[in-house]
């Protein structure tokens, strides 16, 4: 039931960050550069996290 007020539930990008870290580590390990893969995965995850935050902020 709704009481007439429109509440917007914020979205979370933590899942994207976690997946990016795991994929970065996995790909980095397969290339012999696990640390570099983790750092790149973290950077990609932060970009995706910021994108989700910006989109959610405009809602």
PDB file of N, CA and C in Angstrom:
ATOM      1  N   UNK A   1       0.837  -1.173   0.000  1.00  0.00           N
ATOM      2  CA  UNK A   1       0.000   0.000   0.000  1.00  0.00           C
ATOM      3  C   UNK A   1       0.887   1.242   0.000  1.00  0.00           C
ATOM      4  N   UNK A   2       0.447   2.230  -0.720  1.00  0.00           N
ATOM      5  CA  UNK A   2       1.181   3.484  -0.740  1.00  0.00           C
ATOM      6  C   UNK A   2       0.372   4.550  -0.033  1.00  0.00           C
ATOM      7  N   UNK A   3       1.080   5.484   0.546  1.00  0.00           N
ATOM      8  CA  UNK A   3       0.389   6.549   1.250  1.00  0.00           C
ATOM      9  C   UNK A   3       0.398   7.849   0.471  1.00  0.00           C
ATOM     10  N   UNK A   4       0.703   7.789  -0.811  1.00  0.00           N
ATOM     11  CA  UNK A   4       0.663   8.961  -1.650  1.00  0.00           C
ATOM     12  C   UNK A   4       2.001   9.655  -1.812  1.00  0.00           C
ATOM     13  N   UNK A   5       2.948   9.393  -0.958  1.00  0.00           N
ATOM     14  CA  UNK A   5       4.257  10.013  -1.105  1.00  0.00           C
ATOM     15  C   UNK A   5       5.126   9.154  -2.010  1.00  0.00           C
ATOM     16  N   UNK A   6       5.884   9.810  -2.855  1.00  0.00           N
ATOM     17  CA  UNK A   6       6.749   9.055  -3.771  1.00  0.00           C
ATOM     18  C   UNK A   6       8.164   9.029  -3.200  1.00  0.00           C
ATOM     19  N   UNK A   7       8.529   7.899  -2.648  1.00  0.00           N
ATOM     20  CA  UNK A   7       9.884   7.737  -2.136  1.00  0.00           C
ATOM     21  C   UNK A   7      10.694   6.981  -3.174  1.00  0.00           C
ATOM     22  N   UNK A   8      11.876   7.452  -3.394  1.00  0.00           N
ATOM     23  CA  UNK A   8      12.750   6.811  -4.370  1.00  0.00           C
ATOM     24  C   UNK A   8      13.844   6.062  -3.635  1.00  0.00           C
ATOM     25  N   UNK A   9      13.926   4.799  -3.902  1.00  0.00           N
ATOM     26  CA  UNK A   9      14.959   3.977  -3.298  1.00  0.00           C
ATOM     27  C   UNK A   9      16.262   4.182  -4.059  1.00  0.00           C
ATOM     28  N   UNK A  10      17.332   4.547  -3.376  1.00  0.00           N
ATOM     29  CA  UNK A  10      18.595   4.755  -4.082  1.00  0.00           C
ATOM     30  C   UNK A  10      19.160   3.439  -4.612  1.00  0.00           C
ATOM     31  N   UNK A  11      19.827   3.520  -5.723  1.00  0.00           N
ATOM     32  CA  UNK A  11      20.452   2.330  -6.312  1.00  0.00           C
ATOM     33  C   UNK A  11      21.867   2.193  -5.787  1.00  0.00           C
ATOM     34  N   UNK A  12      22.356   0.986  -5.849  1.00  0.00           N
ATOM     35  CA  UNK A  12      23.695   0.730  -5.330  1.00  0.00           C
ATOM     36  C   UNK A  12      24.573   0.150  -6.431  1.00  0.00           C
ATOM     37  N   UNK A  13      25.790   0.641  -6.520  1.00  0.00           N
ATOM     38  CA  UNK A  13      26.721   0.145  -7.527  1.00  0.00           C
ATOM     39  C   UNK A  13      27.792  -0.757  -6.944  1.00  0.00           C
ATOM     40  N   UNK A  14      27.630  -1.167  -5.697  1.00  0.00           N
ATOM     41  CA  UNK A  14      28.618  -2.011  -5.043  1.00  0.00           C
ATOM     42  C   UNK A  14      28.831  -3.339  -5.750  1.00  0.00           C
ATOM     43  N   UNK A  15      27.762  -3.867  -6.318  1.00  0.00           N
ATOM     44  CA  UNK A  15      27.857  -5.114  -7.057  1.00  0.00           C
ATOM     45  C   UNK A  15      28.799  -4.950  -8.244  1.00  0.00           C
ATOM     46  N   UNK A  16      28.680  -3.820  -8.949  1.00  0.00           N
ATOM     47  CA  UNK A  16      29.555  -3.577 -10.101  1.00  0.00           C
ATOM     48  C   UNK A  16      31.015  -3.462  -9.678  1.00  0.00           C
ATOM     49  N   UNK A  17      31.243  -2.840  -8.533  1.00  0.00           N
ATOM     50  CA  UNK A  17      32.611  -2.724  -8.019  1.00  0.00           C
ATOM     51  C   UNK A  17      33.174  -4.100  -7.680  1.00  0.00           C
ATOM     52  N   UNK A  18      32.393  -4.914  -7.009  1.00  0.00           N
ATOM     53  CA  UNK A  18      32.850  -6.251  -6.624  1.00  0.00           C
ATOM     54  C   UNK A  18      33.146  -7.114  -7.849  1.00  0.00           C
ATOM     55  N   UNK A  19      32.255  -7.090  -8.818  1.00  0.00           N
ATOM     56  CA  UNK A  19      32.459  -7.885 -10.034  1.00  0.00           C
ATOM     57  C   UNK A  19      33.693  -7.400 -10.795  1.00  0.00           C
ATOM     58  N   UNK A  20      33.871  -6.078 -10.867  1.00  0.00           N
ATOM     59  CA  UNK A  20      35.040  -5.528 -11.563  1.00  0.00           C
ATOM     60  C   UNK A  20      36.337  -5.960 -10.896  1.00  0.00           C
ATOM     61  N   UNK A  21      36.348  -5.942  -9.565  1.00  0.00           N
ATOM     62  CA  UNK A  21      37.540  -6.389  -8.844  1.00  0.00           C
ATOM     63  C   UNK A  21      37.840  -7.860  -9.121  1.00  0.00           C
ATOM     64  N   UNK A  22      36.814  -8.694  -9.049  1.00  0.00           N
ATOM     65  CA  UNK A  22      37.019 -10.126  -9.278  1.00  0.00           C
ATOM     66  C   UNK A  22      37.448 -10.419 -10.711  1.00  0.00           C
ATOM     67  N   UNK A  23      36.810  -9.758 -11.667  1.00  0.00           N
ATOM     68  CA  UNK A  23      37.196  -9.961 -13.063  1.00  0.00           C
ATOM     69  C   UNK A  23      38.612  -9.447 -13.325  1.00  0.00           C
ATOM     70  N   UNK A  24      38.930  -8.286 -12.768  1.00  0.00           N
ATOM     71  CA  UNK A  24      40.281  -7.743 -12.932  1.00  0.00           C
ATOM     72  C   UNK A  24      41.330  -8.664 -12.360  1.00  0.00           C
ATOM     73  N   UNK A  25      41.049  -9.215 -11.177  1.00  0.00           N
ATOM     74  CA  UNK A  25      41.992 -10.155 -10.569  1.00  0.00           C
ATOM     75  C   UNK A  25      42.140 -11.413 -11.422  1.00  0.00           C
ATOM     76  N   UNK A  26      41.001 -11.940 -11.891  1.00  0.00           N
ATOM     77  CA  UNK A  26      41.041 -13.152 -12.716  1.00  0.00           C
ATOM     78  C   UNK A  26      41.785 -12.956 -14.016  1.00  0.00           C
ATOM     79  N   UNK A  27      41.490 -11.860 -14.696  1.00  0.00           N
ATOM     80  CA  UNK A  27      42.168 -11.581 -15.961  1.00  0.00           C
ATOM     81  C   UNK A  27      43.642 -11.273 -15.718  1.00  0.00           C
ATOM     82  N   UNK A  28      43.927 -10.518 -14.669  1.00  0.00           N
ATOM     83  CA  UNK A  28      45.316 -10.214 -14.338  1.00  0.00           C
ATOM     84  C   UNK A  28      46.107 -11.457 -13.997  1.00  0.00           C
ATOM     85  N   UNK A  29      45.493 -12.367 -13.264  1.00  0.00           N
ATOM     86  CA  UNK A  29      46.166 -13.625 -12.910  1.00  0.00           C
ATOM     87  C   UNK A  29      46.479 -14.438 -14.157  1.00  0.00           C
ATOM     88  N   UNK A  30      45.541 -14.479 -15.089  1.00  0.00           N
ATOM     89  CA  UNK A  30      45.779 -15.248 -16.317  1.00  0.00           C
ATOM     90  C   UNK A  30      46.892 -14.635 -17.166  1.00  0.00           C
ATOM     91  N   UNK A  31      47.148 -13.344 -16.989  1.00  0.00           N
ATOM     92  CA  UNK A  31      48.218 -12.668 -17.726  1.00  0.00           C
ATOM     93  C   UNK A  31      49.516 -12.580 -16.920  1.00  0.00           C
ATOM     94  N   UNK A  32      49.496 -13.103 -15.687  1.00  0.00           N
ATOM     95  CA  UNK A  32      50.684 -13.068 -14.845  1.00  0.00           C
ATOM     96  C   UNK A  32      50.856 -11.739 -14.115  1.00  0.00           C
ATOM     97  N   UNK A  33      49.816 -10.922 -14.034  1.00  0.00           N
ATOM     98  CA  UNK A  33      49.871  -9.612 -13.397  1.00  0.00           C
ATOM     99  C   UNK A  33      48.645  -9.428 -12.499  1.00  0.00           C
ATOM    100  N   UNK A  34      48.556 -10.220 -11.449  1.00  0.00           N
ATOM    101  CA  UNK A  34      47.367 -10.188 -10.588  1.00  0.00           C
ATOM    102  C   UNK A  34      47.175  -8.833  -9.918  1.00  0.00           C
ATOM    103  N   UNK A  35      48.250  -8.208  -9.455  1.00  0.00           N
ATOM    104  CA  UNK A  35      48.135  -6.908  -8.787  1.00  0.00           C
ATOM    105  C   UNK A  35      47.651  -5.828  -9.745  1.00  0.00           C
ATOM    106  N   UNK A  36      48.227  -5.792 -10.925  1.00  0.00           N
ATOM    107  CA  UNK A  36      47.820  -4.810 -11.918  1.00  0.00           C
ATOM    108  C   UNK A  36      46.361  -5.029 -12.332  1.00  0.00           C
ATOM    109  N   UNK A  37      45.971  -6.265 -12.496  1.00  0.00           N
ATOM    110  CA  UNK A  37      44.586  -6.575 -12.845  1.00  0.00           C
ATOM    111  C   UNK A  37      43.620  -6.122 -11.769  1.00  0.00           C
ATOM    112  N   UNK A  38      44.003  -6.289 -10.511  1.00  0.00           N
ATOM    113  CA  UNK A  38      43.158  -5.861  -9.401  1.00  0.00           C
ATOM    114  C   UNK A  38      43.015  -4.345  -9.388  1.00  0.00           C
ATOM    115  N   UNK A  39      44.119  -3.640  -9.609  1.00  0.00           N
ATOM    116  CA  UNK A  39      44.072  -2.173  -9.633  1.00  0.00           C
ATOM    117  C   UNK A  39      43.221  -1.675 -10.802  1.00  0.00           C
ATOM    118  N   UNK A  40      43.382  -2.268 -11.965  1.00  0.00           N
ATOM    119  CA  UNK A  40      42.573  -1.878 -13.117  1.00  0.00           C
ATOM    120  C   UNK A  40      41.103  -2.222 -12.876  1.00  0.00           C
ATOM    121  N   UNK A  41      40.847  -3.379 -12.294  1.00  0.00           N
ATOM    122  CA  UNK A  41      39.473  -3.747 -11.956  1.00  0.00           C
ATOM    123  C   UNK A  41      38.849  -2.775 -10.982  1.00  0.00           C
ATOM    124  N   UNK A  42      39.635  -2.327 -10.008  1.00  0.00           N
ATOM    125  CA  UNK A  42      39.147  -1.342  -9.048  1.00  0.00           C
ATOM    126  C   UNK A  42      38.822  -0.026  -9.747  1.00  0.00           C
ATOM    127  N   UNK A  43      39.699   0.415 -10.639  1.00  0.00           N
ATOM    128  CA  UNK A  43      39.470   1.673 -11.361  1.00  0.00           C
ATOM    129  C   UNK A  43      38.209   1.601 -12.221  1.00  0.00           C
ATOM    130  N   UNK A  44      38.046   0.498 -12.931  1.00  0.00           N
ATOM    131  CA  UNK A  44      36.842   0.322 -13.756  1.00  0.00           C
ATOM    132  C   UNK A  44      35.597   0.290 -12.868  1.00  0.00           C
ATOM    133  N   UNK A  45      35.685  -0.416 -11.751  1.00  0.00           N
ATOM    134  CA  UNK A  45      34.555  -0.485 -10.823  1.00  0.00           C
ATOM    135  C   UNK A  45      34.178   0.871 -10.261  1.00  0.00           C
ATOM    136  N   UNK A  46      35.172   1.699  -9.960  1.00  0.00           N
ATOM    137  CA  UNK A  46      34.887   3.039  -9.440  1.00  0.00           C
ATOM    138  C   UNK A  46      34.214   3.917 -10.492  1.00  0.00           C
ATOM    139  N   UNK A  47      34.633   3.770 -11.747  1.00  0.00           N
ATOM    140  CA  UNK A  47      33.984   4.522 -12.830  1.00  0.00           C
ATOM    141  C   UNK A  47      32.521   4.087 -12.960  1.00  0.00           C
ATOM    142  N   UNK A  48      32.279   2.779 -12.920  1.00  0.00           N
ATOM    143  CA  UNK A  48      30.908   2.282 -12.999  1.00  0.00           C
ATOM    144  C   UNK A  48      30.087   2.718 -11.787  1.00  0.00           C
ATOM    145  N   UNK A  49      30.694   2.694 -10.619  1.00  0.00           N
ATOM    146  CA  UNK A  49      30.033   3.130  -9.394  1.00  0.00           C
ATOM    147  C   UNK A  49      29.642   4.602  -9.484  1.00  0.00           C
ATOM    148  N   UNK A  50      30.548   5.431  -9.990  1.00  0.00           N
ATOM    149  CA  UNK A  50      30.249   6.853 -10.158  1.00  0.00           C
ATOM    150  C   UNK A  50      29.131   7.069 -11.171  1.00  0.00           C
ATOM    151  N   UNK A  51      29.130   6.268 -12.238  1.00  0.00           N
ATOM    152  CA  UNK A  51      28.071   6.388 -13.241  1.00  0.00           C
ATOM    153  C   UNK A  51      26.713   6.046 -12.650  1.00  0.00           C
ATOM    154  N   UNK A  52      26.644   4.980 -11.857  1.00  0.00           N
ATOM    155  CA  UNK A  52      25.380   4.611 -11.211  1.00  0.00           C
ATOM    156  C   UNK A  52      24.934   5.718 -10.262  1.00  0.00           C
ATOM    157  N   UNK A  53      25.872   6.291  -9.523  1.00  0.00           N
ATOM    158  CA  UNK A  53      25.544   7.355  -8.586  1.00  0.00           C
ATOM    159  C   UNK A  53      25.000   8.591  -9.320  1.00  0.00           C
ATOM    160  N   UNK A  54      25.650   8.951 -10.442  1.00  0.00           N
ATOM    161  CA  UNK A  54      25.191  10.106 -11.207  1.00  0.00           C
ATOM    162  C   UNK A  54      23.810   9.886 -11.805  1.00  0.00           C
ATOM    163  N   UNK A  55      23.572   8.708 -12.343  1.00  0.00           N
ATOM    164  CA  UNK A  55      22.254   8.402 -12.904  1.00  0.00           C
ATOM    165  C   UNK A  55      21.198   8.407 -11.810  1.00  0.00           C
ATOM    166  N   UNK A  56      21.523   7.826 -10.676  1.00  0.00           N
ATOM    167  CA  UNK A  56      20.570   7.771  -9.555  1.00  0.00           C
ATOM    168  C   UNK A  56      20.280   9.173  -9.019  1.00  0.00           C
ATOM    169  N   UNK A  57      21.281  10.022  -9.037  1.00  0.00           N
ATOM    170  CA  UNK A  57      21.108  11.384  -8.533  1.00  0.00           C
ATOM    171  C   UNK A  57      20.146  12.193  -9.407  1.00  0.00           C
ATOM    172  N   UNK A  58      20.123  11.886 -10.707  1.00  0.00           N
ATOM    173  CA  UNK A  58      19.219  12.598 -11.615  1.00  0.00           C
ATOM    174  C   UNK A  58      17.782  12.104 -11.551  1.00  0.00           C
ATOM    175  N   UNK A  59      17.567  10.915 -10.965  1.00  0.00           N
ATOM    176  CA  UNK A  59      16.195  10.375 -10.892  1.00  0.00           C
ATOM    177  C   UNK A  59      15.324  11.211 -10.009  1.00  0.00           C
TER     178      UNK A  59
END
